[in-house]
Amino acid sequence: MKIKLVNEEWIPYFMIFFDFLIKQKSQENSKGSAIKNIPPLDILKNFTIPLPPLKEQEYITQTLDTLFTLKKGLRVE
């Protein structure tokens, strides 16, 4: 199965932080015990992962980068 994007404007780095949405939706919709956390194909095909506009993604990514940098600085001191 090929995943296609409705909106091509997204930052891969941004997706790393919100990857939990995909995992959570998978767990909520999974059935059976053979392959856990993988929902049926008909449900997978209709997954919608909401993403904010590109400018907002950039702002969120910059904010997270700043916070992680500050956190690293606190560890050193």
N, C-alpha and C. Protein backbone atom coordinates (compact mmCIF):
# COMPACT_ATOMS: atom_id res chain seq x y z
N MET A 1 0.84 -1.17 0.00
CA MET A 1 0.00 0.00 0.00
C MET A 1 0.89 1.24 0.00
N LYS A 2 0.54 2.20 -0.81
CA LYS A 2 1.29 3.44 -0.91
C LYS A 2 0.55 4.55 -0.17
N ILE A 3 1.28 5.28 0.63
CA ILE A 3 0.69 6.41 1.35
C ILE A 3 0.80 7.63 0.46
N LYS A 4 -0.30 8.34 0.31
CA LYS A 4 -0.23 9.58 -0.47
C LYS A 4 -0.67 10.75 0.41
N LEU A 5 -0.04 11.86 0.17
CA LEU A 5 -0.31 13.05 0.95
C LEU A 5 -1.34 13.91 0.24
N VAL A 6 -2.25 14.44 1.01
CA VAL A 6 -3.25 15.35 0.45
C VAL A 6 -2.59 16.71 0.25
N ASN A 7 -1.80 17.11 1.20
CA ASN A 7 -1.09 18.38 1.13
C ASN A 7 0.40 18.09 1.14
N GLU A 8 1.10 18.52 0.11
CA GLU A 8 2.53 18.23 -0.01
C GLU A 8 3.41 19.15 0.84
N GLU A 9 2.82 20.14 1.49
CA GLU A 9 3.61 21.09 2.26
C GLU A 9 3.74 20.64 3.71
N TRP A 10 4.85 20.02 4.02
CA TRP A 10 5.11 19.60 5.39
C TRP A 10 6.61 19.48 5.58
N ILE A 11 7.03 19.62 6.79
CA ILE A 11 8.45 19.56 7.14
C ILE A 11 8.71 18.19 7.76
N PRO A 12 9.59 17.38 7.15
CA PRO A 12 9.86 16.04 7.71
C PRO A 12 10.26 16.09 9.18
N TYR A 13 11.07 17.05 9.55
CA TYR A 13 11.50 17.19 10.95
C TYR A 13 10.29 17.39 11.86
N PHE A 14 9.31 18.13 11.39
CA PHE A 14 8.09 18.38 12.15
C PHE A 14 7.36 17.07 12.40
N MET A 15 7.32 16.20 11.41
CA MET A 15 6.60 14.94 11.53
C MET A 15 7.19 14.03 12.61
N ILE A 16 8.48 14.15 12.84
CA ILE A 16 9.12 13.33 13.87
C ILE A 16 8.46 13.58 15.22
N PHE A 17 8.17 14.83 15.51
CA PHE A 17 7.60 15.18 16.81
C PHE A 17 6.15 14.73 16.95
N PHE A 18 5.46 14.58 15.84
CA PHE A 18 4.04 14.25 15.91
C PHE A 18 3.73 12.86 15.36
N ASP A 19 4.75 12.07 15.29
CA ASP A 19 4.63 10.69 14.84
C ASP A 19 3.72 9.89 15.79
N PHE A 20 3.61 10.33 17.04
CA PHE A 20 2.76 9.63 18.01
C PHE A 20 1.30 9.61 17.57
N LEU A 21 0.87 10.61 16.79
CA LEU A 21 -0.52 10.61 16.30
C LEU A 21 -0.81 9.38 15.45
N ILE A 22 0.13 9.06 14.59
CA ILE A 22 -0.03 7.90 13.71
C ILE A 22 -0.07 6.63 14.55
N LYS A 23 0.84 6.53 15.51
CA LYS A 23 0.88 5.35 16.37
C LYS A 23 -0.40 5.22 17.19
N GLN A 24 -0.86 6.34 17.72
CA GLN A 24 -2.07 6.33 18.53
C GLN A 24 -3.29 5.91 17.71
N LYS A 25 -3.42 6.48 16.51
CA LYS A 25 -4.56 6.13 15.66
C LYS A 25 -4.50 4.65 15.27
N SER A 26 -3.29 4.15 15.04
CA SER A 26 -3.14 2.73 14.70
C SER A 26 -3.58 1.84 15.84
N GLN A 27 -3.16 2.19 17.05
CA GLN A 27 -3.53 1.38 18.21
C GLN A 27 -5.03 1.42 18.47
N GLU A 28 -5.64 2.58 18.27
CA GLU A 28 -7.08 2.71 18.50
C GLU A 28 -7.89 1.87 17.52
N ASN A 29 -7.37 1.69 16.32
CA ASN A 29 -8.13 1.01 15.27
C ASN A 29 -7.65 -0.40 14.97
N SER A 30 -6.63 -0.88 15.69
CA SER A 30 -6.11 -2.21 15.39
C SER A 30 -7.03 -3.30 15.95
N LYS A 31 -7.02 -4.42 15.27
CA LYS A 31 -7.83 -5.57 15.68
C LYS A 31 -6.99 -6.82 15.54
N GLY A 32 -7.35 -7.84 16.26
CA GLY A 32 -6.65 -9.11 16.15
C GLY A 32 -5.37 -9.12 16.98
N SER A 33 -4.67 -10.25 16.90
CA SER A 33 -3.46 -10.37 17.71
C SER A 33 -2.25 -10.81 16.90
N ALA A 34 -2.41 -11.15 15.62
CA ALA A 34 -1.29 -11.61 14.82
C ALA A 34 -0.26 -10.50 14.61
N ILE A 35 -0.70 -9.37 14.13
CA ILE A 35 0.18 -8.22 13.94
C ILE A 35 -0.43 -7.06 14.71
N LYS A 36 0.09 -6.83 15.89
CA LYS A 36 -0.48 -5.79 16.75
C LYS A 36 -0.20 -4.40 16.18
N ASN A 37 -1.09 -3.49 16.49
CA ASN A 37 -0.98 -2.07 16.14
C ASN A 37 -1.09 -1.78 14.64
N ILE A 38 -1.56 -2.72 13.85
CA ILE A 38 -1.79 -2.45 12.44
C ILE A 38 -3.27 -2.63 12.16
N PRO A 39 -3.95 -1.53 11.88
CA PRO A 39 -5.39 -1.61 11.62
C PRO A 39 -5.69 -2.23 10.27
N PRO A 40 -6.93 -2.65 10.04
CA PRO A 40 -7.31 -3.21 8.74
C PRO A 40 -7.06 -2.20 7.61
N LEU A 41 -6.83 -2.71 6.42
CA LEU A 41 -6.49 -1.89 5.26
C LEU A 41 -7.53 -0.82 4.96
N ASP A 42 -8.80 -1.15 5.07
CA ASP A 42 -9.83 -0.15 4.77
C ASP A 42 -9.77 1.04 5.73
N ILE A 43 -9.39 0.79 6.96
CA ILE A 43 -9.24 1.89 7.92
C ILE A 43 -7.95 2.66 7.65
N LEU A 44 -6.88 1.93 7.35
CA LEU A 44 -5.60 2.58 7.04
C LEU A 44 -5.72 3.54 5.86
N LYS A 45 -6.48 3.13 4.86
CA LYS A 45 -6.63 3.96 3.66
C LYS A 45 -7.30 5.29 3.97
N ASN A 46 -8.07 5.35 5.03
CA ASN A 46 -8.81 6.57 5.36
C ASN A 46 -8.22 7.35 6.52
N PHE A 47 -7.01 7.01 6.93
CA PHE A 47 -6.35 7.77 8.00
C PHE A 47 -6.17 9.22 7.57
N THR A 48 -6.47 10.11 8.46
CA THR A 48 -6.23 11.53 8.22
C THR A 48 -5.40 12.05 9.38
N ILE A 49 -4.25 12.58 9.07
CA ILE A 49 -3.39 13.17 10.09
C ILE A 49 -3.38 14.67 9.84
N PRO A 50 -4.03 15.43 10.70
CA PRO A 50 -4.09 16.88 10.48
C PRO A 50 -2.73 17.54 10.71
N LEU A 51 -2.35 18.40 9.79
CA LEU A 51 -1.12 19.16 9.91
C LEU A 51 -1.43 20.64 9.82
N PRO A 52 -0.77 21.44 10.63
CA PRO A 52 -0.98 22.88 10.54
C PRO A 52 -0.35 23.42 9.25
N PRO A 53 -0.67 24.64 8.88
CA PRO A 53 -0.06 25.25 7.70
C PRO A 53 1.47 25.28 7.82
N LEU A 54 2.15 25.36 6.70
CA LEU A 54 3.61 25.29 6.66
C LEU A 54 4.27 26.33 7.56
N LYS A 55 3.79 27.55 7.55
CA LYS A 55 4.37 28.61 8.41
C LYS A 55 4.28 28.22 9.89
N GLU A 56 3.16 27.66 10.27
CA GLU A 56 2.99 27.24 11.66
C GLU A 56 3.90 26.06 11.99
N GLN A 57 4.08 25.15 11.05
CA GLN A 57 5.01 24.04 11.24
C GLN A 57 6.42 24.58 11.48
N GLU A 58 6.82 25.57 10.67
CA GLU A 58 8.15 26.17 10.82
C GLU A 58 8.30 26.81 12.20
N TYR A 59 7.29 27.52 12.64
CA TYR A 59 7.33 28.16 13.96
C TYR A 59 7.45 27.11 15.07
N ILE A 60 6.65 26.08 14.99
CA ILE A 60 6.68 25.01 16.00
C ILE A 60 8.04 24.34 16.01
N THR A 61 8.58 24.05 14.83
CA THR A 61 9.88 23.39 14.73
C THR A 61 10.97 24.27 15.32
N GLN A 62 10.96 25.56 15.01
CA GLN A 62 11.96 26.49 15.57
C GLN A 62 11.83 26.58 17.09
N THR A 63 10.62 26.62 17.58
CA THR A 63 10.39 26.69 19.02
C THR A 63 10.92 25.44 19.71
N LEU A 64 10.64 24.28 19.14
CA LEU A 64 11.13 23.02 19.72
C LEU A 64 12.65 22.96 19.68
N ASP A 65 13.25 23.40 18.56
CA ASP A 65 14.71 23.44 18.47
C ASP A 65 15.30 24.31 19.58
N THR A 66 14.70 25.47 19.79
CA THR A 66 15.18 26.39 20.83
C THR A 66 15.07 25.74 22.21
N LEU A 67 13.94 25.11 22.47
CA LEU A 67 13.74 24.46 23.77
C LEU A 67 14.72 23.31 23.99
N PHE A 68 14.96 22.51 22.95
CA PHE A 68 15.92 21.41 23.08
C PHE A 68 17.34 21.93 23.30
N THR A 69 17.68 23.03 22.64
CA THR A 69 19.00 23.64 22.83
C THR A 69 19.14 24.13 24.27
N LEU A 70 18.12 24.80 24.77
CA LEU A 70 18.14 25.26 26.16
C LEU A 70 18.25 24.10 27.14
N LYS A 71 17.55 23.03 26.85
CA LYS A 71 17.59 21.84 27.71
C LYS A 71 19.00 21.25 27.74
N LYS A 72 19.64 21.17 26.57
CA LYS A 72 21.01 20.65 26.52
C LYS A 72 21.95 21.54 27.33
N GLY A 73 21.74 22.86 27.24
CA GLY A 73 22.57 23.80 28.00
C GLY A 73 22.42 23.60 29.50
N LEU A 74 21.23 23.28 29.95
CA LEU A 74 21.00 23.04 31.38
C LEU A 74 21.71 21.79 31.86
N ARG A 75 21.79 20.80 31.00
CA ARG A 75 22.47 19.55 31.38
C ARG A 75 23.96 19.78 31.58
N VAL A 76 24.55 20.63 30.73
CA VAL A 76 25.99 20.88 30.79
C VAL A 76 26.36 21.62 32.06
N GLU A 77 25.53 22.58 32.45
CA GLU A 77 25.82 23.39 33.64
C GLU A 77 25.55 22.59 34.85
